[in-house]
Amino acid sequence: MTSEIERIKVLIIGSGPAGYTAAIYASRAGLNPILYTGGQPGGQLTITTDVENYPGYPEGIQGPEMMEDFRKQAERFGTKVRYGVVTSVDFDTIPHKVIVDNQSEIHADTVIISTGASAKWLGLESETRLNGRGVSACAVCDGFFFRGQDVAIVGAGDTACEEASYLANICNKVYMIVRKSEMRASLIMQRRVLNNPKIEVLWNTETDEILGEEEVTGVRIFNNLTKETKELKVSGFFVAIGHHPNTDIFRNIIDMDENGYIKTIPGSTWTNKEGVFACGDAQDHIYRQAVTAAGTGCMAALDAERYLAAKESA
């Protein structure tokens, strides 16, 4: 570890819409924030192709390009964007102690956590190869591109049911692939799916392979009971088996729910640690959209600014 310790007012951990928006607001407030991008600079949008539901882009935009715009805007106002991964934190002292890449030590008056979340995947080679070319982990984000077409979705929880219902409103047919003979979703969500004539639930079924070379053309499935294999013609394949918040480094340090999402005081981004704020998908397991992440990034910066102002005037 280097001996020199850097002292700053605002440290932002993680990039993406939440982190970069927090950086824009904090830098415009004269707080001279430093942002560490984390292991995936730009977050989940860097593996997304067309983004058509973010305000201000009437023709749509590629995910990586939009994140580059966010970064440039943050840097324009003075944010220092650094490539690195935070490897340990100590939030019991003020200023907070943060170690980057097991090497650099930073003391920060406030910390904004925007580490995001990662979608859980099936682990198929074809899933990775066709990601963004018919394979998606967000029906609300990408379902529009498959309107009037046949699609498949994997999952059995509330999110899968909600996304299947959403897809049924715009697609011709939705195949819902459920690994067991029952769902774990709430009864009301199950009824919504089972009563929808455009959704066909395939019980005891698993995905063997996603078909297609340049884009999704179908999916090969097999039945766990009958051992039968068959192919479905679909142009979209959605994975809805959950997300994992990128918050492991804060476990047993900050209050989280049972799934690892950071708890914040309702109506704010305050965590249970003084001067530590959380925004974006690291604390939002409900909406998980770029625009809502950006909104909470704004909130986190404002919360940090007000916290610092109150400390200075005390």
C-alpha atoms as a PDB file:
ATOM      1  CA  MET A   1       0.000   0.000   0.000  1.00  0.00           C
ATOM      2  CA  THR A   2       1.241   3.480  -0.827  1.00  0.00           C
ATOM      3  CA  SER A   3       2.120   5.688   2.134  1.00  0.00           C
ATOM      4  CA  GLU A   4       0.515   8.860   0.774  1.00  0.00           C
ATOM      5  CA  ILE A   5      -3.119   9.335   1.827  1.00  0.00           C
ATOM      6  CA  GLU A   6      -5.452  11.408  -0.345  1.00  0.00           C
ATOM      7  CA  ARG A   7      -8.133  13.489   1.426  1.00  0.00           C
ATOM      8  CA  ILE A   8     -11.255  14.436  -0.548  1.00  0.00           C
ATOM      9  CA  LYS A   9     -14.806  15.638   0.061  1.00  0.00           C
ATOM     10  CA  VAL A  10     -16.759  13.245  -2.169  1.00  0.00           C
ATOM     11  CA  LEU A  11     -15.800   9.780  -3.364  1.00  0.00           C
ATOM     12  CA  ILE A  12     -18.078   8.018  -5.847  1.00  0.00           C
ATOM     13  CA  ILE A  13     -17.681   4.247  -6.069  1.00  0.00           C
ATOM     14  CA  GLY A  14     -18.913   2.909  -9.399  1.00  0.00           C
ATOM     15  CA  SER A  15     -19.921   4.400 -12.703  1.00  0.00           C
ATOM     16  CA  GLY A  16     -23.063   3.973 -14.816  1.00  0.00           C
ATOM     17  CA  PRO A  17     -26.016   6.405 -14.897  1.00  0.00           C
ATOM     18  CA  ALA A  18     -26.184   6.718 -11.089  1.00  0.00           C
ATOM     19  CA  GLY A  19     -22.481   7.313 -10.502  1.00  0.00           C
ATOM     20  CA  TYR A  20     -21.967   9.695 -13.384  1.00  0.00           C
ATOM     21  CA  THR A  21     -25.100  11.710 -12.529  1.00  0.00           C
ATOM     22  CA  ALA A  22     -23.931  11.988  -8.922  1.00  0.00           C
ATOM     23  CA  ALA A  23     -20.581  13.178 -10.276  1.00  0.00           C
ATOM     24  CA  ILE A  24     -22.216  15.818 -12.481  1.00  0.00           C
ATOM     25  CA  TYR A  25     -24.185  17.278  -9.573  1.00  0.00           C
ATOM     26  CA  ALA A  26     -21.346  17.050  -7.070  1.00  0.00           C
ATOM     27  CA  SER A  27     -18.820  18.650  -9.402  1.00  0.00           C
ATOM     28  CA  ARG A  28     -21.207  21.465 -10.327  1.00  0.00           C
ATOM     29  CA  ALA A  29     -21.578  22.099  -6.586  1.00  0.00           C
ATOM     30  CA  GLY A  30     -17.827  22.607  -6.335  1.00  0.00           C
ATOM     31  CA  LEU A  31     -17.203  19.439  -4.320  1.00  0.00           C
ATOM     32  CA  ASN A  32     -14.429  18.159  -6.621  1.00  0.00           C
ATOM     33  CA  PRO A  33     -15.565  14.521  -6.607  1.00  0.00           C
ATOM     34  CA  ILE A  34     -13.382  11.590  -7.544  1.00  0.00           C
ATOM     35  CA  LEU A  35     -15.126   8.661  -9.243  1.00  0.00           C
ATOM     36  CA  TYR A  36     -13.699   5.161  -9.473  1.00  0.00           C
ATOM     37  CA  THR A  37     -15.278   3.273 -12.351  1.00  0.00           C
ATOM     38  CA  GLY A  38     -15.096  -0.223 -10.893  1.00  0.00           C
ATOM     39  CA  GLY A  39     -14.572  -3.382 -12.888  1.00  0.00           C
ATOM     40  CA  GLN A  40     -17.153  -2.509 -15.557  1.00  0.00           C
ATOM     41  CA  PRO A  41     -16.740   1.170 -16.458  1.00  0.00           C
ATOM     42  CA  GLY A  42     -20.123   2.515 -17.495  1.00  0.00           C
ATOM     43  CA  GLY A  43     -22.059  -0.321 -15.887  1.00  0.00           C
ATOM     44  CA  GLN A  44     -24.626  -2.613 -17.509  1.00  0.00           C
ATOM     45  CA  LEU A  45     -25.374  -0.174 -20.318  1.00  0.00           C
ATOM     46  CA  THR A  46     -21.975  -0.865 -21.835  1.00  0.00           C
ATOM     47  CA  ILE A  47     -23.257  -4.310 -22.856  1.00  0.00           C
ATOM     48  CA  THR A  48     -26.534  -2.880 -24.177  1.00  0.00           C
ATOM     49  CA  THR A  49     -27.014  -1.967 -27.810  1.00  0.00           C
ATOM     50  CA  ASP A  50     -29.964   0.312 -28.597  1.00  0.00           C
ATOM     51  CA  VAL A  51     -31.291   2.495 -25.781  1.00  0.00           C
ATOM     52  CA  GLU A  52     -34.566   4.088 -26.834  1.00  0.00           C
ATOM     53  CA  ASN A  53     -36.278   4.822 -23.516  1.00  0.00           C
ATOM     54  CA  TYR A  54     -33.888   7.379 -22.047  1.00  0.00           C
ATOM     55  CA  PRO A  55     -35.196  10.976 -22.388  1.00  0.00           C
ATOM     56  CA  GLY A  56     -33.264  13.319 -24.641  1.00  0.00           C
ATOM     57  CA  TYR A  57     -32.303  10.809 -27.339  1.00  0.00           C
ATOM     58  CA  PRO A  58     -35.192  10.938 -29.831  1.00  0.00           C
ATOM     59  CA  GLU A  59     -33.421   8.646 -32.288  1.00  0.00           C
ATOM     60  CA  GLY A  60     -32.125   6.318 -29.591  1.00  0.00           C
ATOM     61  CA  ILE A  61     -28.476   5.740 -28.766  1.00  0.00           C
ATOM     62  CA  GLN A  62     -26.056   2.878 -28.234  1.00  0.00           C
ATOM     63  CA  GLY A  63     -25.513   2.064 -24.560  1.00  0.00           C
ATOM     64  CA  PRO A  64     -21.711   2.482 -24.609  1.00  0.00           C
ATOM     65  CA  GLU A  65     -22.025   5.793 -26.447  1.00  0.00           C
ATOM     66  CA  MET A  66     -24.518   7.115 -23.887  1.00  0.00           C
ATOM     67  CA  MET A  67     -22.195   6.201 -21.024  1.00  0.00           C
ATOM     68  CA  GLU A  68     -19.356   7.968 -22.808  1.00  0.00           C
ATOM     69  CA  ASP A  69     -21.575  11.082 -22.979  1.00  0.00           C
ATOM     70  CA  PHE A  70     -22.257  10.802 -19.246  1.00  0.00           C
ATOM     71  CA  ARG A  71     -18.546  10.483 -18.494  1.00  0.00           C
ATOM     72  CA  LYS A  72     -17.606  13.483 -20.651  1.00  0.00           C
ATOM     73  CA  GLN A  73     -20.265  15.620 -19.004  1.00  0.00           C
ATOM     74  CA  ALA A  74     -19.018  14.697 -15.529  1.00  0.00           C
ATOM     75  CA  GLU A  75     -15.424  15.456 -16.516  1.00  0.00           C
ATOM     76  CA  ARG A  76     -16.452  18.756 -18.082  1.00  0.00           C
ATOM     77  CA  PHE A  77     -17.439  20.050 -14.640  1.00  0.00           C
ATOM     78  CA  GLY A  78     -14.281  18.807 -12.965  1.00  0.00           C
ATOM     79  CA  THR A  79     -14.925  15.230 -11.881  1.00  0.00           C
ATOM     80  CA  LYS A  80     -11.769  13.132 -11.791  1.00  0.00           C
ATOM     81  CA  VAL A  81     -12.688   9.767 -13.325  1.00  0.00           C
ATOM     82  CA  ARG A  82     -10.249   7.037 -12.413  1.00  0.00           C
ATOM     83  CA  TYR A  83     -10.077   3.412 -13.451  1.00  0.00           C
ATOM     84  CA  GLY A  84      -9.801   1.218 -10.383  1.00  0.00           C
ATOM     85  CA  VAL A  85     -11.682  -1.067  -8.026  1.00  0.00           C
ATOM     86  CA  VAL A  86     -12.362  -0.319  -4.371  1.00  0.00           C
ATOM     87  CA  THR A  87     -11.134  -3.339  -2.430  1.00  0.00           C
ATOM     88  CA  SER A  88     -11.946  -2.419   1.181  1.00  0.00           C
ATOM     89  CA  VAL A  89     -13.734   0.260   3.195  1.00  0.00           C
ATOM     90  CA  ASP A  90     -13.965   1.493   6.772  1.00  0.00           C
ATOM     91  CA  PHE A  91     -17.091   3.549   7.363  1.00  0.00           C
ATOM     92  CA  ASP A  92     -16.838   3.583  11.149  1.00  0.00           C
ATOM     93  CA  THR A  93     -14.458   6.537  11.104  1.00  0.00           C
ATOM     94  CA  ILE A  94     -14.897  10.038   9.708  1.00  0.00           C
ATOM     95  CA  PRO A  95     -13.410  10.727   7.264  1.00  0.00           C
ATOM     96  CA  HIS A  96     -14.151   7.324   5.770  1.00  0.00           C
ATOM     97  CA  LYS A  97     -11.190   5.164   4.803  1.00  0.00           C
ATOM     98  CA  VAL A  98     -11.256   3.524   1.391  1.00  0.00           C
ATOM     99  CA  ILE A  99      -8.597   1.342  -0.237  1.00  0.00           C
ATOM    100  CA  VAL A 100      -8.392   1.163  -4.035  1.00  0.00           C
ATOM    101  CA  ASP A 101      -6.792  -1.806  -5.829  1.00  0.00           C
ATOM    102  CA  ASN A 102      -5.343  -2.966  -2.494  1.00  0.00           C
ATOM    103  CA  GLN A 103      -2.925  -0.085  -2.812  1.00  0.00           C
ATOM    104  CA  SER A 104      -4.119   3.518  -2.609  1.00  0.00           C
ATOM    105  CA  GLU A 105      -5.728   4.908   0.566  1.00  0.00           C
ATOM    106  CA  ILE A 106      -8.330   7.646   0.355  1.00  0.00           C
ATOM    107  CA  HIS A 107      -9.977   9.513   3.210  1.00  0.00           C
ATOM    108  CA  ALA A 108     -13.373  10.845   2.106  1.00  0.00           C
ATOM    109  CA  ASP A 109     -15.784  13.075   3.997  1.00  0.00           C
ATOM    110  CA  THR A 110     -18.655  11.489   2.065  1.00  0.00           C
ATOM    111  CA  VAL A 111     -18.965   8.353  -0.028  1.00  0.00           C
ATOM    112  CA  ILE A 112     -21.573   7.710  -2.722  1.00  0.00           C
ATOM    113  CA  ILE A 113     -22.049   4.039  -3.566  1.00  0.00           C
ATOM    114  CA  SER A 114     -23.217   3.419  -7.144  1.00  0.00           C
ATOM    115  CA  THR A 115     -21.829  -0.043  -7.777  1.00  0.00           C
ATOM    116  CA  GLY A 116     -24.965  -1.271  -9.545  1.00  0.00           C
ATOM    117  CA  ALA A 117     -26.159  -4.831  -9.988  1.00  0.00           C
ATOM    118  CA  SER A 118     -25.451  -7.632 -12.422  1.00  0.00           C
ATOM    119  CA  ALA A 119     -28.048  -9.819 -14.092  1.00  0.00           C
ATOM    120  CA  LYS A 120     -27.924 -13.516 -13.362  1.00  0.00           C
ATOM    121  CA  TRP A 121     -27.484 -15.589 -16.514  1.00  0.00           C
ATOM    122  CA  LEU A 122     -27.995 -19.214 -17.472  1.00  0.00           C
ATOM    123  CA  GLY A 123     -24.341 -19.686 -18.371  1.00  0.00           C
ATOM    124  CA  LEU A 124     -24.802 -20.722 -22.002  1.00  0.00           C
ATOM    125  CA  GLU A 125     -22.197 -19.838 -24.636  1.00  0.00           C
ATOM    126  CA  SER A 126     -24.962 -18.836 -27.039  1.00  0.00           C
ATOM    127  CA  GLU A 127     -26.441 -16.563 -24.367  1.00  0.00           C
ATOM    128  CA  THR A 128     -23.195 -14.605 -24.173  1.00  0.00           C
ATOM    129  CA  ARG A 129     -22.622 -14.571 -27.928  1.00  0.00           C
ATOM    130  CA  LEU A 130     -26.123 -13.300 -28.732  1.00  0.00           C
ATOM    131  CA  ASN A 131     -26.375 -10.841 -25.840  1.00  0.00           C
ATOM    132  CA  GLY A 132     -27.721  -7.614 -27.311  1.00  0.00           C
ATOM    133  CA  ARG A 133     -28.719  -9.417 -30.512  1.00  0.00           C
ATOM    134  CA  GLY A 134     -31.946 -10.924 -29.286  1.00  0.00           C
ATOM    135  CA  VAL A 135     -30.858 -11.948 -25.797  1.00  0.00           C
ATOM    136  CA  SER A 136     -31.721  -9.533 -22.999  1.00  0.00           C
ATOM    137  CA  ALA A 137     -32.080  -9.445 -19.228  1.00  0.00           C
ATOM    138  CA  CYS A 138     -34.580  -6.566 -19.270  1.00  0.00           C
ATOM    139  CA  ALA A 139     -37.942  -6.894 -21.005  1.00  0.00           C
ATOM    140  CA  VAL A 140     -38.959  -3.347 -20.103  1.00  0.00           C
ATOM    141  CA  CYS A 141     -35.751  -2.051 -21.700  1.00  0.00           C
ATOM    142  CA  ASP A 142     -35.734  -4.151 -24.868  1.00  0.00           C
ATOM    143  CA  GLY A 143     -39.203  -5.624 -25.366  1.00  0.00           C
ATOM    144  CA  PHE A 144     -40.162  -2.807 -27.722  1.00  0.00           C
ATOM    145  CA  PHE A 145     -37.767  -4.156 -30.357  1.00  0.00           C
ATOM    146  CA  PHE A 146     -39.794  -7.394 -30.545  1.00  0.00           C
ATOM    147  CA  ARG A 147     -43.307  -6.000 -30.852  1.00  0.00           C
ATOM    148  CA  GLY A 148     -45.558  -8.278 -32.867  1.00  0.00           C
ATOM    149  CA  GLN A 149     -43.052 -11.144 -32.675  1.00  0.00           C
ATOM    150  CA  ASP A 150     -42.742 -14.424 -30.762  1.00  0.00           C
ATOM    151  CA  VAL A 151     -40.406 -14.392 -27.756  1.00  0.00           C
ATOM    152  CA  ALA A 152     -39.380 -16.598 -24.832  1.00  0.00           C
ATOM    153  CA  ILE A 153     -38.642 -15.695 -21.233  1.00  0.00           C
ATOM    154  CA  VAL A 154     -36.950 -17.777 -18.517  1.00  0.00           C
ATOM    155  CA  GLY A 155     -37.908 -17.399 -14.869  1.00  0.00           C
ATOM    156  CA  ALA A 156     -40.513 -18.235 -12.267  1.00  0.00           C
ATOM    157  CA  GLY A 157     -40.551 -15.303  -9.835  1.00  0.00           C
ATOM    158  CA  ASP A 158     -42.547 -12.105  -9.629  1.00  0.00           C
ATOM    159  CA  THR A 159     -40.151 -10.287 -11.944  1.00  0.00           C
ATOM    160  CA  ALA A 160     -40.430 -13.000 -14.598  1.00  0.00           C
ATOM    161  CA  CYS A 161     -44.225 -12.916 -14.380  1.00  0.00           C
ATOM    162  CA  GLU A 162     -44.290  -9.136 -14.562  1.00  0.00           C
ATOM    163  CA  GLU A 163     -41.970  -9.089 -17.581  1.00  0.00           C
ATOM    164  CA  ALA A 164     -43.909 -11.887 -19.303  1.00  0.00           C
ATOM    165  CA  SER A 165     -47.101  -9.861 -18.870  1.00  0.00           C
ATOM    166  CA  TYR A 166     -45.355  -6.767 -20.199  1.00  0.00           C
ATOM    167  CA  LEU A 167     -44.121  -8.671 -23.257  1.00  0.00           C
ATOM    168  CA  ALA A 168     -47.594 -10.119 -23.872  1.00  0.00           C
ATOM    169  CA  ASN A 169     -48.901  -6.578 -24.324  1.00  0.00           C
ATOM    170  CA  ILE A 170     -46.602  -5.913 -27.265  1.00  0.00           C
ATOM    171  CA  CYS A 171     -45.546  -9.312 -28.627  1.00  0.00           C
ATOM    172  CA  ASN A 172     -47.482 -11.898 -30.628  1.00  0.00           C
ATOM    173  CA  LYS A 173     -46.734 -14.798 -28.275  1.00  0.00           C
ATOM    174  CA  VAL A 174     -44.688 -15.335 -25.124  1.00  0.00           C
ATOM    175  CA  TYR A 175     -43.261 -18.700 -24.115  1.00  0.00           C
ATOM    176  CA  MET A 176     -42.489 -18.745 -20.393  1.00  0.00           C
ATOM    177  CA  ILE A 177     -39.887 -21.378 -19.533  1.00  0.00           C
ATOM    178  CA  VAL A 178     -40.243 -22.645 -15.948  1.00  0.00           C
ATOM    179  CA  ARG A 179     -37.765 -25.205 -14.633  1.00  0.00           C
ATOM    180  CA  LYS A 180     -40.079 -26.765 -12.035  1.00  0.00           C
ATOM    181  CA  SER A 181     -43.736 -27.771 -11.885  1.00  0.00           C
ATOM    182  CA  GLU A 182     -44.592 -24.629  -9.949  1.00  0.00           C
ATOM    183  CA  MET A 183     -43.636 -20.974  -9.742  1.00  0.00           C
ATOM    184  CA  ARG A 184     -42.226 -19.121  -6.776  1.00  0.00           C
ATOM    185  CA  ALA A 185     -44.071 -15.949  -7.788  1.00  0.00           C
ATOM    186  CA  SER A 186     -46.930 -14.576  -5.702  1.00  0.00           C
ATOM    187  CA  LEU A 187     -50.356 -16.044  -6.483  1.00  0.00           C
ATOM    188  CA  ILE A 188     -51.667 -12.813  -7.964  1.00  0.00           C
ATOM    189  CA  MET A 189     -48.738 -12.652 -10.404  1.00  0.00           C
ATOM    190  CA  GLN A 190     -49.158 -16.322 -11.309  1.00  0.00           C
ATOM    191  CA  ARG A 191     -52.840 -15.798 -12.075  1.00  0.00           C
ATOM    192  CA  ARG A 192     -52.010 -12.837 -14.271  1.00  0.00           C
ATOM    193  CA  VAL A 193     -49.702 -15.023 -16.352  1.00  0.00           C
ATOM    194  CA  LEU A 194     -51.861 -18.150 -16.435  1.00  0.00           C
ATOM    195  CA  ASN A 195     -54.965 -16.187 -17.453  1.00  0.00           C
ATOM    196  CA  ASN A 196     -53.205 -14.413 -20.322  1.00  0.00           C
ATOM    197  CA  PRO A 197     -53.983 -16.203 -23.620  1.00  0.00           C
ATOM    198  CA  LYS A 198     -50.788 -14.878 -25.221  1.00  0.00           C
ATOM    199  CA  ILE A 199     -48.529 -16.517 -22.621  1.00  0.00           C
ATOM    200  CA  GLU A 200     -47.788 -20.250 -22.805  1.00  0.00           C
ATOM    201  CA  VAL A 201     -46.120 -21.618 -19.679  1.00  0.00           C
ATOM    202  CA  LEU A 202     -43.748 -24.520 -20.331  1.00  0.00           C
ATOM    203  CA  TRP A 203     -43.455 -26.404 -17.033  1.00  0.00           C
ATOM    204  CA  ASN A 204     -40.527 -28.635 -16.033  1.00  0.00           C
ATOM    205  CA  THR A 205     -38.572 -27.137 -18.890  1.00  0.00           C
ATOM    206  CA  GLU A 206     -35.008 -25.907 -19.247  1.00  0.00           C
ATOM    207  CA  THR A 207     -33.101 -24.095 -21.955  1.00  0.00           C
ATOM    208  CA  ASP A 208     -30.651 -26.282 -23.838  1.00  0.00           C
ATOM    209  CA  GLU A 209     -29.423 -23.738 -26.394  1.00  0.00           C
ATOM    210  CA  ILE A 210     -30.313 -20.379 -27.894  1.00  0.00           C
ATOM    211  CA  LEU A 211     -30.316 -20.684 -31.661  1.00  0.00           C
ATOM    212  CA  GLY A 212     -28.996 -18.269 -34.260  1.00  0.00           C
ATOM    213  CA  GLU A 213     -25.711 -17.044 -35.677  1.00  0.00           C
ATOM    214  CA  GLU A 214     -25.960 -13.256 -35.920  1.00  0.00           C
ATOM    215  CA  GLU A 215     -29.253 -12.897 -34.048  1.00  0.00           C
ATOM    216  CA  VAL A 216     -31.716 -15.065 -32.143  1.00  0.00           C
ATOM    217  CA  THR A 217     -33.831 -17.299 -34.384  1.00  0.00           C
ATOM    218  CA  GLY A 218     -35.082 -19.804 -31.831  1.00  0.00           C
ATOM    219  CA  VAL A 219     -34.457 -21.727 -28.630  1.00  0.00           C
ATOM    220  CA  ARG A 220     -33.981 -25.426 -28.010  1.00  0.00           C
ATOM    221  CA  ILE A 221     -35.626 -26.647 -24.815  1.00  0.00           C
ATOM    222  CA  PHE A 222     -35.993 -29.966 -23.023  1.00  0.00           C
ATOM    223  CA  ASN A 223     -38.553 -31.302 -20.595  1.00  0.00           C
ATOM    224  CA  ASN A 224     -37.140 -32.585 -17.312  1.00  0.00           C
ATOM    225  CA  LEU A 225     -39.876 -35.234 -16.946  1.00  0.00           C
ATOM    226  CA  THR A 226     -40.359 -36.560 -20.468  1.00  0.00           C
ATOM    227  CA  LYS A 227     -36.762 -35.850 -21.575  1.00  0.00           C
ATOM    228  CA  GLU A 228     -38.277 -34.539 -24.806  1.00  0.00           C
ATOM    229  CA  THR A 229     -36.328 -31.908 -26.732  1.00  0.00           C
ATOM    230  CA  LYS A 230     -37.902 -29.437 -29.135  1.00  0.00           C
ATOM    231  CA  GLU A 231     -37.210 -26.113 -30.788  1.00  0.00           C
ATOM    232  CA  LEU A 232     -39.268 -22.943 -30.577  1.00  0.00           C
ATOM    233  CA  LYS A 233     -39.099 -20.245 -33.217  1.00  0.00           C
ATOM    234  CA  VAL A 234     -38.538 -16.965 -31.385  1.00  0.00           C
ATOM    235  CA  SER A 235     -36.696 -13.749 -32.201  1.00  0.00           C
ATOM    236  CA  GLY A 236     -36.215 -12.609 -28.601  1.00  0.00           C
ATOM    237  CA  PHE A 237     -34.974 -14.462 -25.520  1.00  0.00           C
ATOM    238  CA  PHE A 238     -35.306 -12.833 -22.107  1.00  0.00           C
ATOM    239  CA  VAL A 239     -33.599 -14.005 -18.932  1.00  0.00           C
ATOM    240  CA  ALA A 240     -35.461 -13.098 -15.742  1.00  0.00           C
ATOM    241  CA  ILE A 241     -33.863 -15.260 -13.073  1.00  0.00           C
ATOM    242  CA  GLY A 242     -32.784 -12.382 -10.883  1.00  0.00           C
ATOM    243  CA  HIS A 243     -30.039  -9.843 -10.312  1.00  0.00           C
ATOM    244  CA  HIS A 244     -27.123  -9.762  -7.918  1.00  0.00           C
ATOM    245  CA  PRO A 245     -26.258  -6.340  -6.461  1.00  0.00           C
ATOM    246  CA  ASN A 246     -22.550  -5.564  -6.602  1.00  0.00           C
ATOM    247  CA  THR A 247     -22.365  -4.880  -2.889  1.00  0.00           C
ATOM    248  CA  ASP A 248     -20.376  -7.805  -1.487  1.00  0.00           C
ATOM    249  CA  ILE A 249     -17.560  -5.506  -0.383  1.00  0.00           C
ATOM    250  CA  PHE A 250     -19.998  -3.668   1.927  1.00  0.00           C
ATOM    251  CA  ARG A 251     -21.486  -6.781   3.523  1.00  0.00           C
ATOM    252  CA  ASN A 252     -21.548  -6.609   7.349  1.00  0.00           C
ATOM    253  CA  ILE A 253     -20.624  -2.916   7.056  1.00  0.00           C
ATOM    254  CA  ILE A 254     -23.819  -1.330   5.719  1.00  0.00           C
ATOM    255  CA  ASP A 255     -27.388  -2.467   6.351  1.00  0.00           C
ATOM    256  CA  MET A 256     -28.712  -4.568   3.459  1.00  0.00           C
ATOM    257  CA  ASP A 257     -31.759  -6.679   2.745  1.00  0.00           C
ATOM    258  CA  GLU A 258     -31.602 -10.454   2.447  1.00  0.00           C
ATOM    259  CA  ASN A 259     -30.609 -10.201  -1.228  1.00  0.00           C
ATOM    260  CA  GLY A 260     -27.741  -7.778  -0.692  1.00  0.00           C
ATOM    261  CA  TYR A 261     -29.428  -4.551  -1.788  1.00  0.00           C
ATOM    262  CA  ILE A 262     -28.331  -1.610   0.358  1.00  0.00           C
ATOM    263  CA  LYS A 263     -31.068  -0.198   2.580  1.00  0.00           C
ATOM    264  CA  THR A 264     -31.621   3.543   2.395  1.00  0.00           C
ATOM    265  CA  ILE A 265     -33.858   5.796   4.455  1.00  0.00           C
ATOM    266  CA  PRO A 266     -37.120   6.144   2.461  1.00  0.00           C
ATOM    267  CA  GLY A 267     -37.186   9.300   0.383  1.00  0.00           C
ATOM    268  CA  SER A 268     -33.410   9.682   0.504  1.00  0.00           C
ATOM    269  CA  THR A 269     -30.149   7.944  -0.325  1.00  0.00           C
ATOM    270  CA  TRP A 270     -28.891   7.919   3.262  1.00  0.00           C
ATOM    271  CA  THR A 271     -27.575   4.595   4.535  1.00  0.00           C
ATOM    272  CA  ASN A 272     -27.160   3.656   8.196  1.00  0.00           C
ATOM    273  CA  LYS A 273     -23.590   5.022   8.076  1.00  0.00           C
ATOM    274  CA  GLU A 274     -23.115   8.756   8.501  1.00  0.00           C
ATOM    275  CA  GLY A 275     -21.957  10.424   5.303  1.00  0.00           C
ATOM    276  CA  VAL A 276     -22.442   7.295   3.173  1.00  0.00           C
ATOM    277  CA  PHE A 277     -25.092   7.366   0.466  1.00  0.00           C
ATOM    278  CA  ALA A 278     -26.279   4.689  -1.973  1.00  0.00           C
ATOM    279  CA  CYS A 279     -27.935   5.115  -5.356  1.00  0.00           C
ATOM    280  CA  GLY A 280     -28.806   3.206  -8.505  1.00  0.00           C
ATOM    281  CA  ASP A 281     -29.244  -0.534  -8.777  1.00  0.00           C
ATOM    282  CA  ALA A 282     -27.103  -1.180  -5.699  1.00  0.00           C
ATOM    283  CA  GLN A 283     -30.156  -0.115  -3.668  1.00  0.00           C
ATOM    284  CA  ASP A 284     -33.025  -0.383  -6.170  1.00  0.00           C
ATOM    285  CA  HIS A 285     -34.368  -3.887  -6.832  1.00  0.00           C
ATOM    286  CA  ILE A 286     -37.728  -2.683  -8.140  1.00  0.00           C
ATOM    287  CA  TYR A 287     -37.253  -0.372 -11.132  1.00  0.00           C
ATOM    288  CA  ARG A 288     -33.682  -0.990 -12.324  1.00  0.00           C
ATOM    289  CA  GLN A 289     -33.834   1.519 -15.175  1.00  0.00           C
ATOM    290  CA  ALA A 290     -31.163   3.916 -16.375  1.00  0.00           C
ATOM    291  CA  VAL A 291     -33.399   6.927 -15.832  1.00  0.00           C
ATOM    292  CA  THR A 292     -34.325   5.964 -12.258  1.00  0.00           C
ATOM    293  CA  ALA A 293     -30.678   5.209 -11.488  1.00  0.00           C
ATOM    294  CA  ALA A 294     -29.726   8.664 -12.753  1.00  0.00           C
ATOM    295  CA  GLY A 295     -32.459  10.184 -10.585  1.00  0.00           C
ATOM    296  CA  THR A 296     -31.117   8.568  -7.431  1.00  0.00           C
ATOM    297  CA  GLY A 297     -27.604   9.608  -8.440  1.00  0.00           C
ATOM    298  CA  CYS A 298     -28.837  13.203  -8.399  1.00  0.00           C
ATOM    299  CA  MET A 299     -30.413  12.597  -4.973  1.00  0.00           C
ATOM    300  CA  ALA A 300     -27.190  11.139  -3.582  1.00  0.00           C
ATOM    301  CA  ALA A 301     -25.139  14.138  -4.680  1.00  0.00           C
ATOM    302  CA  LEU A 302     -27.669  16.562  -3.192  1.00  0.00           C
ATOM    303  CA  ASP A 303     -27.788  14.556   0.035  1.00  0.00           C
ATOM    304  CA  ALA A 304     -23.985  14.599   0.233  1.00  0.00           C
ATOM    305  CA  GLU A 305     -23.846  18.331  -0.499  1.00  0.00           C
ATOM    306  CA  ARG A 306     -26.393  19.121   2.227  1.00  0.00           C
ATOM    307  CA  TYR A 307     -24.626  16.839   4.673  1.00  0.00           C
ATOM    308  CA  LEU A 308     -21.301  18.599   4.088  1.00  0.00           C
ATOM    309  CA  ALA A 309     -22.935  22.043   4.349  1.00  0.00           C
ATOM    310  CA  ALA A 310     -24.527  21.108   7.676  1.00  0.00           C
ATOM    311  CA  LYS A 311     -21.176  19.822   9.010  1.00  0.00           C
ATOM    312  CA  GLU A 312     -19.403  23.036   8.004  1.00  0.00           C
ATOM    313  CA  SER A 313     -22.028  25.270   9.618  1.00  0.00           C
ATOM    314  CA  ALA A 314     -22.202  23.250  12.830  1.00  0.00           C
END
